[in-house]
Amino acid sequence: AAHEDEGTASEALAALKIARAAAIWFYKSYCGAANFKAGPFVPPQPRVDATQELLEEIEALRSAVKASGDEAAKAQLARQKAEQDRLDAAATAERLAEEVAFWEQYAADTEASAGSARSELAALQAAAIASPPAQLTLLAQTAARESLFVELDEATTRVLIDDQLRAVGWEVDTTKLRHSRGTRPEYGKAMAIAEWPTRSGPVDYALFIDGRCVGVIEAKREVRDVPGRLGQAKRYARDVALAIDELPSGAPWQQRDGDRFEVPFLFVTNGRPYVKQLATKSGIWFWDARTPSNHPRALPEWFSPRDLTERLQQVTENTADTVAEQEIGVSGLRPYQTDAIAAVETAIAAGQQNILLAMATGTGKTRLAIALMFEVLRRKRFRRILFLVDRNALGRQTLDAMSTTDTSGFLKFDEVFGVADMAKKFPEATDRVQVATVQAMVKRVFDDPSAQRPTPGTYDLIIVDEAHRGYTLDAELREDDLGFRNLDEYLSAYRRVLE
């Protein structure tokens, strides 16, 4: 903003609050001042406009001129206008002169102290390098602990949330797109409207797609425990004030305890980036109100509008009984493969998030995986599946198998469901399976700045082929020049993709 001359006064104030919080954290963490108390934030005094009274007088005269047509009033207005222009020019010249003098002195002072600052920095760097590992570990732990107490108010937290929502495709501005300022949902837009009314008070954001409300967001200040506030979001989802044409298809959703929710998707966040070790104090906590067995879970990023639109198309009411009664659509399976698929579907129906299948080499893992994907896709239990491999050869083998596997409708798997191959960075809306390597997904998720970067809702089922191989860096992986410095870095990236 400083270089592009953009931004508003409210954005500048939010940036100042964030910079102050970061400075306090750094001072307490790295300067041995753990007990430092900064006190409350005191906003800077706004610049006083010396000509405000003159402007008000001119406006009054302008009104008088329009009312009377008095020549004397017109002349007085012209004189006052000229005086205003003179004062404006003088004030601008004085301000520019002050700024030039300040920056000239600042440059001189900076140049004079640059040499000593460089020497001091070199000494500090040398001392840090020479510090024993235990001391560095303690310093890192102190910084992590102090980060838990970085405090931002809800207004600043909303500025952070605005940026996060905007990055994945939502139209949002917590200061302008507010219900109280007349903002209403519009067809053809994905909008996050602030301060939407409910019977129990305004909710921080209501999410609308094509004029219908699909979710609510409760934003809490950074120091709050995030999932503990989900109850407040549930209350807003029950009490939200919506017209008939603003309700999503399928509403309301009834829970076993009698609760009825007008919107399906609930979110609570404090704006803090997701850290698994601090899961309850970071990230975005999400709950799907459509199924009683759903449990709240943390998301590293927001769902995009496309994510929520596709998520609404899922069939969520499959039970273990109905799954067991249905015939598998891929023929030629062995009994143990059929049993494994039934066990996986039963676990999915029960709400289990992580499922492990252990099978010996040569027992048909790929065919079983294809049959499982066929079942959950044709029942619309999942919308899109990521089939993750750690080698290109495995990916090509899987794609070949999809093009040769027969289904009950006498079509091959890839003729029934769209399959995105490994060359495609982002799946099309019609793609139901994407095959990709871990290495490619790391680049797409963490290194691709484009809007086509996968979001948490791009895939709602991930199948990891030969998962045990993800925990070794074999010779073939090193030959691919993946750019991972060591095993720990590879494993960290692997886990982050899955999360």
Protein backbone atom coordinates (compact mmCIF):
# COMPACT_ATOMS: atom_id res chain seq x y z
CA ALA A 1 0.00 0.00 0.00
CA ALA A 2 2.86 2.38 0.78
CA HIS A 3 4.40 1.86 -2.66
CA GLU A 4 1.16 1.75 -4.64
CA ASP A 5 -0.59 4.62 -2.82
CA GLU A 6 -3.58 2.41 -2.04
CA GLY A 7 -5.64 1.64 1.03
CA THR A 8 -8.02 3.33 3.41
CA ALA A 9 -7.63 4.87 6.84
CA SER A 10 -9.27 1.82 8.46
CA GLU A 11 -6.89 -0.53 6.65
CA ALA A 12 -3.94 1.58 7.78
CA LEU A 13 -5.16 1.43 11.38
CA ALA A 14 -5.54 -2.36 11.20
CA ALA A 15 -2.03 -2.68 9.77
CA LEU A 16 -0.71 -0.51 12.59
CA LYS A 17 -2.37 -2.77 15.19
CA ILE A 18 -0.88 -5.88 13.60
CA ALA A 19 2.59 -4.32 13.37
CA ARG A 20 2.40 -3.31 17.04
CA ALA A 21 1.34 -6.84 18.08
CA ALA A 22 4.24 -8.33 16.08
CA ALA A 23 6.70 -5.89 17.67
CA ILE A 24 5.50 -6.77 21.18
CA TRP A 25 5.80 -10.50 20.42
CA PHE A 26 9.35 -10.06 19.07
CA TYR A 27 10.44 -7.95 22.03
CA LYS A 28 9.07 -10.40 24.60
CA SER A 29 10.44 -13.44 22.76
CA TYR A 30 13.93 -12.35 21.74
CA CYS A 31 14.86 -9.51 24.10
CA GLY A 32 14.42 -11.34 27.40
CA ALA A 33 11.39 -9.28 28.39
CA ALA A 34 8.81 -11.99 29.05
CA ASN A 35 7.10 -9.85 31.72
CA PHE A 36 6.84 -6.75 29.55
CA LYS A 37 3.37 -5.14 29.65
CA ALA A 38 2.65 -2.99 26.63
CA GLY A 39 -0.63 -1.52 27.78
CA PRO A 40 -3.64 -0.82 25.56
CA PHE A 41 -3.33 0.27 21.96
CA VAL A 42 -3.61 4.06 21.61
CA PRO A 43 -4.58 5.08 18.07
CA PRO A 44 -2.77 8.05 16.51
CA GLN A 45 -4.51 11.40 16.47
CA PRO A 46 -6.10 12.09 13.09
CA ARG A 47 -4.71 15.03 11.14
CA VAL A 48 -6.70 18.19 11.83
CA ASP A 49 -8.01 19.92 8.72
CA ALA A 50 -7.32 23.61 9.35
CA THR A 51 -9.80 24.66 6.69
CA GLN A 52 -12.79 22.68 7.96
CA GLU A 53 -14.58 25.74 9.32
CA LEU A 54 -13.94 27.55 6.07
CA LEU A 55 -15.38 24.65 4.07
CA GLU A 56 -18.51 24.66 6.20
CA GLU A 57 -18.91 28.40 5.68
CA ILE A 58 -18.50 28.05 1.93
CA GLU A 59 -21.12 25.31 1.82
CA ALA A 60 -23.53 27.54 3.72
CA LEU A 61 -22.86 30.38 1.30
CA ARG A 62 -23.37 28.11 -1.69
CA SER A 63 -26.78 27.15 -0.35
CA ALA A 64 -27.62 30.80 0.16
CA VAL A 65 -26.61 31.64 -3.41
CA LYS A 66 -28.84 28.93 -4.80
CA ALA A 67 -31.74 30.16 -2.70
CA SER A 68 -31.49 33.90 -3.37
CA GLY A 69 -29.43 34.56 -6.47
CA ASP A 70 -27.96 37.58 -4.61
CA GLU A 71 -25.05 39.10 -6.55
CA ALA A 72 -23.36 40.17 -3.32
CA ALA A 73 -23.55 36.62 -2.00
CA LYS A 74 -22.04 35.34 -5.24
CA ALA A 75 -19.16 37.76 -4.93
CA GLN A 76 -18.57 36.81 -1.31
CA LEU A 77 -18.63 33.13 -2.30
CA ALA A 78 -16.00 33.77 -4.98
CA ARG A 79 -13.76 35.57 -2.47
CA GLN A 80 -14.15 32.77 0.05
CA LYS A 81 -13.35 30.20 -2.65
CA ALA A 82 -10.20 32.05 -3.59
CA GLU A 83 -9.19 32.27 0.07
CA GLN A 84 -9.74 28.54 0.46
CA ASP A 85 -7.57 27.81 -2.58
CA ARG A 86 -4.81 30.04 -1.20
CA LEU A 87 -4.93 28.36 2.22
CA ASP A 88 -4.94 24.90 0.65
CA ALA A 89 -1.90 25.73 -1.45
CA ALA A 90 -0.07 27.21 1.54
CA ALA A 91 -0.89 24.21 3.72
CA THR A 92 0.25 21.79 1.03
CA ALA A 93 3.53 23.67 0.53
CA GLU A 94 4.17 23.76 4.28
CA ARG A 95 3.43 20.05 4.66
CA LEU A 96 5.70 19.14 1.75
CA ALA A 97 8.50 21.26 3.15
CA GLU A 98 8.17 19.57 6.53
CA GLU A 99 8.19 16.12 4.94
CA VAL A 100 11.26 16.92 2.81
CA ALA A 101 13.13 18.22 5.84
CA PHE A 102 12.15 15.19 7.90
CA TRP A 103 13.27 12.65 5.29
CA GLU A 104 16.52 14.49 4.58
CA GLN A 105 17.36 14.43 8.28
CA TYR A 106 16.21 10.82 8.56
CA ALA A 107 18.45 9.78 5.64
CA ALA A 108 21.42 11.55 7.20
CA ASP A 109 20.84 9.92 10.59
CA THR A 110 20.36 6.50 8.99
CA GLU A 111 23.57 6.79 6.98
CA ALA A 112 25.50 7.88 10.05
CA SER A 113 24.31 4.89 12.09
CA ALA A 114 24.42 2.30 9.30
CA GLY A 115 28.02 1.31 9.95
CA SER A 116 27.54 0.64 13.65
CA ALA A 117 24.24 -1.14 12.99
CA ARG A 118 25.91 -3.51 10.53
CA SER A 119 28.66 -4.25 13.02
CA GLU A 120 26.14 -4.90 15.79
CA LEU A 121 24.07 -7.15 13.51
CA ALA A 122 27.16 -9.17 12.54
CA ALA A 123 28.02 -9.63 16.21
CA LEU A 124 24.48 -10.78 17.04
CA GLN A 125 24.46 -13.21 14.11
CA ALA A 126 27.80 -14.66 15.19
CA ALA A 127 26.52 -15.06 18.75
CA ALA A 128 23.35 -16.76 17.52
CA ILE A 129 25.33 -19.20 15.38
CA ALA A 130 27.60 -19.99 18.31
CA SER A 131 24.67 -20.58 20.69
CA PRO A 132 24.28 -24.18 21.83
CA PRO A 133 21.35 -26.10 20.28
CA ALA A 134 19.56 -26.28 23.63
CA GLN A 135 19.52 -22.49 23.89
CA LEU A 136 18.17 -22.12 20.36
CA THR A 137 15.47 -24.67 21.13
CA LEU A 138 14.52 -22.77 24.27
CA LEU A 139 14.34 -19.53 22.28
CA ALA A 140 12.06 -21.14 19.70
CA GLN A 141 9.84 -22.52 22.45
CA THR A 142 9.64 -19.10 24.07
CA ALA A 143 8.64 -17.49 20.78
CA ALA A 144 5.99 -20.16 20.18
CA ARG A 145 4.60 -19.71 23.70
CA GLU A 146 4.47 -15.93 23.40
CA SER A 147 2.67 -16.22 20.06
CA LEU A 148 -0.29 -17.70 21.93
CA PHE A 149 -0.77 -14.39 23.72
CA VAL A 150 -0.60 -12.10 20.69
CA GLU A 151 -3.82 -10.18 21.03
CA LEU A 152 -5.81 -8.50 18.27
CA ASP A 153 -9.30 -7.11 18.68
CA GLU A 154 -12.24 -8.46 16.68
CA ALA A 155 -12.19 -5.56 14.21
CA THR A 156 -8.60 -6.32 13.24
CA THR A 157 -9.32 -10.05 13.21
CA ARG A 158 -12.07 -9.40 10.67
CA VAL A 159 -9.62 -7.54 8.43
CA LEU A 160 -7.47 -10.69 8.36
CA ILE A 161 -10.51 -12.87 7.70
CA ASP A 162 -11.61 -10.57 4.86
CA ASP A 163 -8.27 -11.11 3.12
CA GLN A 164 -8.48 -14.88 3.58
CA LEU A 165 -12.02 -15.09 2.19
CA ARG A 166 -11.21 -12.78 -0.70
CA ALA A 167 -8.24 -14.96 -1.66
CA VAL A 168 -10.50 -17.98 -2.36
CA GLY A 169 -13.15 -16.10 -4.33
CA TRP A 170 -15.62 -14.50 -1.89
CA GLU A 171 -16.75 -10.90 -2.34
CA VAL A 172 -16.19 -9.43 1.12
CA ASP A 173 -15.53 -6.16 2.92
CA THR A 174 -16.49 -6.12 6.58
CA THR A 175 -16.71 -2.31 6.67
CA LYS A 176 -18.74 -1.80 3.48
CA LEU A 177 -20.64 -5.00 2.67
CA ARG A 178 -22.76 -4.97 5.80
CA HIS A 179 -26.44 -5.71 6.25
CA SER A 180 -26.85 -2.46 8.20
CA ARG A 181 -25.54 -0.51 5.20
CA GLY A 182 -28.08 -2.05 2.86
CA THR A 183 -26.00 -4.88 1.38
CA ARG A 184 -28.15 -7.79 0.24
CA PRO A 185 -27.32 -11.06 -1.55
CA GLU A 186 -27.34 -11.03 -5.35
CA TYR A 187 -27.78 -13.77 -7.91
CA GLY A 188 -24.55 -14.64 -9.69
CA LYS A 189 -22.34 -13.55 -6.80
CA ALA A 190 -20.62 -15.28 -3.88
CA MET A 191 -20.84 -12.80 -1.01
CA ALA A 192 -19.81 -12.73 2.64
CA ILE A 193 -22.14 -10.12 4.15
CA ALA A 194 -21.14 -8.78 7.56
CA GLU A 195 -23.42 -8.37 10.59
CA TRP A 196 -26.34 -10.37 9.19
CA PRO A 197 -29.30 -10.28 11.64
CA THR A 198 -30.48 -13.28 13.64
CA ARG A 199 -32.97 -13.59 16.49
CA SER A 200 -30.03 -13.85 18.92
CA GLY A 201 -27.97 -10.97 17.56
CA PRO A 202 -26.01 -10.31 14.37
CA VAL A 203 -23.64 -12.99 13.09
CA ASP A 204 -20.24 -11.76 11.93
CA TYR A 205 -20.62 -13.05 8.36
CA ALA A 206 -23.33 -14.81 6.37
CA LEU A 207 -22.15 -16.60 3.22
CA PHE A 208 -24.41 -16.33 0.16
CA ILE A 209 -24.11 -18.04 -3.22
CA ASP A 210 -26.57 -16.98 -5.93
CA GLY A 211 -28.69 -15.22 -3.32
CA ARG A 212 -29.02 -18.19 -0.94
CA CYS A 213 -27.36 -18.48 2.45
CA VAL A 214 -25.04 -21.49 2.69
CA GLY A 215 -23.13 -20.72 5.87
CA VAL A 216 -22.37 -18.47 8.82
CA ILE A 217 -19.02 -17.40 10.26
CA GLU A 218 -18.33 -16.39 13.84
CA ALA A 219 -15.10 -14.40 14.19
CA LYS A 220 -13.41 -14.27 17.59
CA ARG A 221 -10.39 -12.34 18.76
CA GLU A 222 -7.08 -14.15 18.46
CA VAL A 223 -6.57 -15.25 22.05
CA ARG A 224 -9.87 -17.15 22.16
CA ASP A 225 -10.13 -20.92 22.02
CA VAL A 226 -11.75 -21.43 18.61
CA PRO A 227 -13.87 -24.63 18.77
CA GLY A 228 -15.27 -23.54 22.13
CA ARG A 229 -17.21 -20.84 20.26
CA LEU A 230 -18.97 -23.25 17.92
CA GLY A 231 -22.04 -23.19 20.15
CA GLN A 232 -22.51 -19.51 19.36
CA ALA A 233 -22.30 -20.24 15.62
CA LYS A 234 -24.93 -22.99 16.04
CA ARG A 235 -27.26 -20.53 17.74
CA TYR A 236 -26.89 -18.09 14.85
CA ALA A 237 -27.48 -20.90 12.32
CA ARG A 238 -30.74 -21.74 14.11
CA ASP A 239 -31.90 -18.15 14.48
CA VAL A 240 -30.71 -16.53 11.24
CA ALA A 241 -33.29 -14.25 9.61
CA LEU A 242 -33.77 -15.34 6.00
CA ALA A 243 -36.50 -14.84 3.43
CA ILE A 244 -37.89 -17.89 1.63
CA ASP A 245 -35.80 -17.22 -1.47
CA GLU A 246 -32.66 -16.84 0.67
CA LEU A 247 -32.89 -20.34 2.20
CA PRO A 248 -30.64 -23.02 0.70
CA SER A 249 -32.13 -26.12 -0.90
CA GLY A 250 -32.85 -28.79 1.70
CA ALA A 251 -33.26 -26.45 4.67
CA PRO A 252 -33.88 -26.87 7.54
CA TRP A 253 -31.67 -29.69 8.81
CA GLN A 254 -32.89 -31.59 11.85
CA GLN A 255 -30.50 -32.99 14.46
CA ARG A 256 -31.17 -35.86 16.87
CA ASP A 257 -31.38 -33.46 19.81
CA GLY A 258 -34.17 -31.51 18.13
CA ASP A 259 -32.07 -28.61 16.84
CA ARG A 260 -33.09 -27.26 13.44
CA PHE A 261 -30.50 -25.39 11.38
CA GLU A 262 -31.46 -23.03 8.58
CA VAL A 263 -27.98 -23.11 7.00
CA PRO A 264 -25.76 -26.17 6.46
CA PHE A 265 -22.20 -24.94 7.01
CA LEU A 266 -20.89 -23.34 10.21
CA PHE A 267 -17.45 -21.80 10.72
CA VAL A 268 -15.60 -20.33 13.69
CA THR A 269 -12.19 -18.67 13.36
CA ASN A 270 -9.85 -16.20 15.00
CA GLY A 271 -7.91 -15.35 11.84
CA ARG A 272 -4.78 -17.18 12.99
CA PRO A 273 -3.08 -19.45 10.39
CA TYR A 274 -3.64 -23.13 11.08
CA VAL A 275 -0.97 -24.84 13.19
CA LYS A 276 -1.65 -28.49 13.97
CA GLN A 277 0.13 -28.28 17.34
CA LEU A 278 -2.15 -25.35 18.25
CA ALA A 279 -5.27 -26.68 16.53
CA THR A 280 -7.79 -25.35 19.05
CA LYS A 281 -6.29 -21.86 18.93
CA SER A 282 -5.72 -21.55 15.19
CA GLY A 283 -7.23 -22.16 11.79
CA ILE A 284 -10.87 -22.39 10.78
CA TRP A 285 -13.17 -24.79 12.61
CA PHE A 286 -15.91 -26.19 10.40
CA TRP A 287 -19.07 -28.16 11.12
CA ASP A 288 -21.55 -29.59 8.62
CA ALA A 289 -25.04 -29.41 10.15
CA ARG A 290 -26.65 -31.76 7.65
CA THR A 291 -25.58 -35.02 9.31
CA PRO A 292 -25.81 -35.73 13.06
CA SER A 293 -22.66 -37.90 13.00
CA ASN A 294 -20.47 -35.07 11.71
CA HIS A 295 -17.83 -33.75 14.09
CA PRO A 296 -16.22 -30.29 13.99
CA ARG A 297 -12.80 -30.25 12.33
CA ALA A 298 -10.08 -27.74 11.64
CA LEU A 299 -9.39 -26.43 8.13
CA PRO A 300 -6.09 -24.87 7.05
CA GLU A 301 -7.92 -22.51 4.66
CA TRP A 302 -11.42 -21.41 3.69
CA PHE A 303 -13.67 -23.29 1.33
CA SER A 304 -14.17 -21.50 -1.97
CA PRO A 305 -17.69 -20.78 -3.29
CA ARG A 306 -17.26 -23.68 -5.72
CA ASP A 307 -16.31 -25.96 -2.82
CA LEU A 308 -19.53 -25.22 -0.93
CA THR A 309 -21.69 -25.42 -4.05
CA GLU A 310 -20.34 -28.88 -4.84
CA ARG A 311 -20.50 -29.94 -1.21
CA LEU A 312 -24.25 -29.24 -1.18
CA GLN A 313 -24.63 -31.79 -3.97
CA GLN A 314 -23.28 -34.60 -1.79
CA VAL A 315 -25.60 -37.30 -0.50
CA THR A 316 -24.96 -37.40 3.23
CA GLU A 317 -27.64 -39.78 4.52
CA ASN A 318 -26.11 -43.12 3.45
CA THR A 319 -26.13 -45.50 6.42
CA ALA A 320 -24.21 -48.69 7.06
CA ASP A 321 -27.38 -50.75 6.38
CA THR A 322 -28.07 -49.24 2.96
CA VAL A 323 -24.41 -49.56 1.98
CA ALA A 324 -24.37 -53.28 2.81
CA GLU A 325 -27.52 -53.90 0.75
CA GLN A 326 -26.19 -52.39 -2.50
CA GLU A 327 -24.36 -54.43 -5.12
CA ILE A 328 -20.84 -53.34 -6.03
CA GLY A 329 -20.67 -51.91 -9.54
CA VAL A 330 -17.23 -53.26 -10.53
CA SER A 331 -17.21 -56.94 -11.43
CA GLY A 332 -14.55 -59.57 -10.91
CA LEU A 333 -13.72 -58.76 -7.30
CA ARG A 334 -12.48 -61.39 -4.90
CA PRO A 335 -14.42 -61.98 -1.66
CA TYR A 336 -11.82 -60.29 0.53
CA GLN A 337 -11.89 -57.23 -1.74
CA THR A 338 -15.66 -57.05 -1.45
CA ASP A 339 -15.41 -57.37 2.33
CA ALA A 340 -12.79 -54.62 2.47
CA ILE A 341 -14.96 -52.24 0.44
CA ALA A 342 -17.95 -52.93 2.68
CA ALA A 343 -15.84 -52.28 5.78
CA VAL A 344 -14.55 -48.99 4.39
CA GLU A 345 -18.04 -47.81 3.44
CA THR A 346 -19.35 -48.73 6.87
CA ALA A 347 -16.58 -46.69 8.48
CA ILE A 348 -17.36 -43.75 6.19
CA ALA A 349 -21.06 -43.94 7.05
CA ALA A 350 -20.10 -43.83 10.74
CA GLY A 351 -18.17 -40.61 10.19
CA GLN A 352 -14.64 -42.01 10.43
CA GLN A 353 -12.11 -39.64 8.87
CA ASN A 354 -8.99 -41.83 8.55
CA ILE A 355 -9.13 -45.43 7.32
CA LEU A 356 -6.19 -47.78 6.70
CA LEU A 357 -6.31 -50.82 4.41
CA ALA A 358 -3.33 -53.18 4.74
CA MET A 359 -2.92 -55.56 1.78
CA ALA A 360 -0.03 -57.67 0.57
CA THR A 361 1.65 -57.05 -2.77
CA GLY A 362 -0.25 -58.68 -5.63
CA THR A 363 -3.62 -58.88 -3.86
CA GLY A 364 -5.31 -56.27 -6.07
CA LYS A 365 -5.00 -52.96 -4.20
CA THR A 366 -5.48 -50.84 -7.32
CA ARG A 367 -8.58 -52.71 -8.50
CA LEU A 368 -10.05 -52.52 -4.99
CA ALA A 369 -9.40 -48.76 -4.92
CA ILE A 370 -11.08 -48.28 -8.30
CA ALA A 371 -14.11 -50.30 -7.18
CA LEU A 372 -14.33 -48.27 -3.97
CA MET A 373 -14.15 -44.99 -5.90
CA PHE A 374 -16.88 -46.18 -8.24
CA GLU A 375 -19.19 -46.93 -5.31
CA VAL A 376 -18.80 -43.67 -3.42
CA LEU A 377 -18.98 -41.58 -6.60
CA ARG A 378 -22.10 -43.17 -8.06
CA ARG A 379 -23.90 -42.73 -4.71
CA LYS A 380 -22.70 -39.11 -4.56
CA ARG A 381 -21.17 -39.73 -1.16
CA PHE A 382 -18.11 -37.85 -2.40
CA ARG A 383 -17.82 -35.38 -5.23
CA ARG A 384 -14.16 -35.57 -6.19
CA ILE A 385 -11.35 -37.91 -5.21
CA LEU A 386 -7.61 -37.30 -5.20
CA PHE A 387 -5.65 -40.48 -5.89
CA LEU A 388 -2.21 -39.71 -4.49
CA VAL A 389 0.94 -41.58 -5.50
CA ASP A 390 4.62 -40.97 -4.82
CA ARG A 391 5.94 -41.96 -8.26
CA ASN A 392 4.94 -41.12 -11.81
CA ALA A 393 5.05 -44.80 -12.71
CA LEU A 394 2.37 -45.61 -10.12
CA GLY A 395 0.23 -42.77 -11.44
CA ARG A 396 0.43 -44.02 -15.01
CA GLN A 397 -0.34 -47.54 -13.83
CA THR A 398 -3.48 -46.31 -12.03
CA LEU A 399 -4.68 -44.31 -15.05
CA ASP A 400 -4.22 -47.37 -17.27
CA ALA A 401 -6.22 -49.47 -14.81
CA MET A 402 -9.09 -46.95 -14.81
CA SER A 403 -9.26 -47.13 -18.59
CA THR A 404 -9.50 -50.95 -18.59
CA THR A 405 -11.72 -51.65 -15.54
CA ASP A 406 -15.26 -52.72 -16.54
CA THR A 407 -18.29 -51.55 -14.59
CA SER A 408 -21.80 -52.94 -14.32
CA GLY A 409 -22.95 -50.62 -17.11
CA PHE A 410 -20.47 -52.17 -19.58
CA LEU A 411 -18.44 -48.96 -19.66
CA LYS A 412 -14.90 -48.45 -18.46
CA PHE A 413 -14.39 -46.53 -15.23
CA ASP A 414 -12.99 -43.45 -16.99
CA GLU A 415 -15.97 -43.47 -19.38
CA VAL A 416 -18.39 -43.23 -16.46
CA PHE A 417 -16.51 -40.64 -14.39
CA GLY A 418 -14.21 -37.89 -15.59
CA VAL A 419 -10.57 -38.54 -14.70
CA ALA A 420 -7.96 -35.77 -14.59
CA ASP A 421 -4.52 -37.08 -15.43
CA MET A 422 -1.24 -36.06 -13.84
CA ALA A 423 -0.59 -33.26 -16.34
CA LYS A 424 -3.69 -31.31 -15.25
CA LYS A 425 -2.93 -28.90 -12.40
CA PHE A 426 -6.51 -28.24 -11.35
CA PRO A 427 -9.55 -30.47 -11.96
CA GLU A 428 -12.45 -29.36 -14.11
CA ALA A 429 -15.92 -29.18 -12.59
CA THR A 430 -16.81 -32.45 -14.37
CA ASP A 431 -13.73 -34.34 -13.16
CA ARG A 432 -14.48 -36.83 -10.40
CA VAL A 433 -11.01 -38.32 -9.92
CA GLN A 434 -7.59 -36.74 -10.18
CA VAL A 435 -4.36 -38.73 -10.13
CA ALA A 436 -1.32 -36.81 -8.90
CA THR A 437 2.05 -37.32 -7.26
CA VAL A 438 2.84 -36.01 -3.79
CA GLN A 439 5.56 -33.82 -5.27
CA ALA A 440 3.20 -32.20 -7.79
CA MET A 441 0.58 -31.53 -5.10
CA VAL A 442 3.17 -29.88 -2.85
CA LYS A 443 3.99 -27.45 -5.65
CA ARG A 444 0.34 -26.78 -6.46
CA VAL A 445 -0.78 -26.28 -2.86
CA PHE A 446 2.15 -24.31 -1.46
CA ASP A 447 4.06 -22.82 -4.41
CA ASP A 448 1.35 -21.82 -6.91
CA PRO A 449 0.14 -18.22 -6.37
CA SER A 450 -2.66 -18.53 -8.94
CA ALA A 451 -6.35 -18.59 -8.10
CA GLN A 452 -6.46 -22.19 -9.39
CA ARG A 453 -4.58 -23.48 -6.36
CA PRO A 454 -6.43 -26.38 -4.68
CA THR A 455 -8.46 -25.44 -1.62
CA PRO A 456 -9.57 -27.70 1.26
CA GLY A 457 -12.80 -28.47 -0.56
CA THR A 458 -11.36 -29.30 -3.97
CA TYR A 459 -11.23 -32.97 -2.94
CA ASP A 460 -13.36 -34.56 -0.25
CA LEU A 461 -11.70 -37.97 -0.33
CA ILE A 462 -7.98 -38.70 -0.64
CA ILE A 463 -6.74 -42.20 -1.40
CA VAL A 464 -3.02 -42.62 -0.75
CA ASP A 465 -1.60 -45.46 -2.81
CA GLU A 466 1.08 -47.46 -0.97
CA ALA A 467 0.98 -45.03 1.94
CA HIS A 468 3.93 -46.69 3.67
CA ARG A 469 6.21 -45.59 0.81
CA GLY A 470 5.54 -41.96 1.67
CA TYR A 471 7.77 -42.36 4.69
CA THR A 472 10.95 -43.18 2.76
CA LEU A 473 13.04 -41.17 0.33
CA ASP A 474 14.15 -43.86 -2.08
CA ALA A 475 16.61 -43.54 -4.95
CA GLU A 476 13.92 -42.88 -7.53
CA LEU A 477 12.59 -39.90 -5.58
CA ARG A 478 16.07 -38.40 -5.29
CA GLU A 479 16.61 -38.84 -9.01
CA ASP A 480 13.51 -36.70 -9.61
CA ASP A 481 15.30 -33.77 -7.91
CA LEU A 482 12.32 -32.91 -5.78
CA GLY A 483 13.99 -30.07 -3.93
CA PHE A 484 13.45 -31.54 -0.47
CA ARG A 485 16.47 -30.96 1.72
CA ASN A 486 15.93 -33.98 3.94
CA LEU A 487 13.47 -36.64 5.04
CA ASP A 488 11.85 -34.41 7.65
CA GLU A 489 11.07 -31.74 5.05
CA TYR A 490 9.54 -34.31 2.71
CA LEU A 491 7.39 -35.81 5.46
CA SER A 492 6.27 -32.36 6.61
CA ALA A 493 5.16 -31.43 3.09
CA TYR A 494 3.45 -34.82 2.68
CA ARG A 495 1.44 -34.34 5.87
CA ARG A 496 0.49 -30.77 4.98
CA VAL A 497 -0.92 -31.88 1.62
CA LEU A 498 -3.07 -34.52 3.33
CA GLU A 499 -4.29 -32.05 5.94
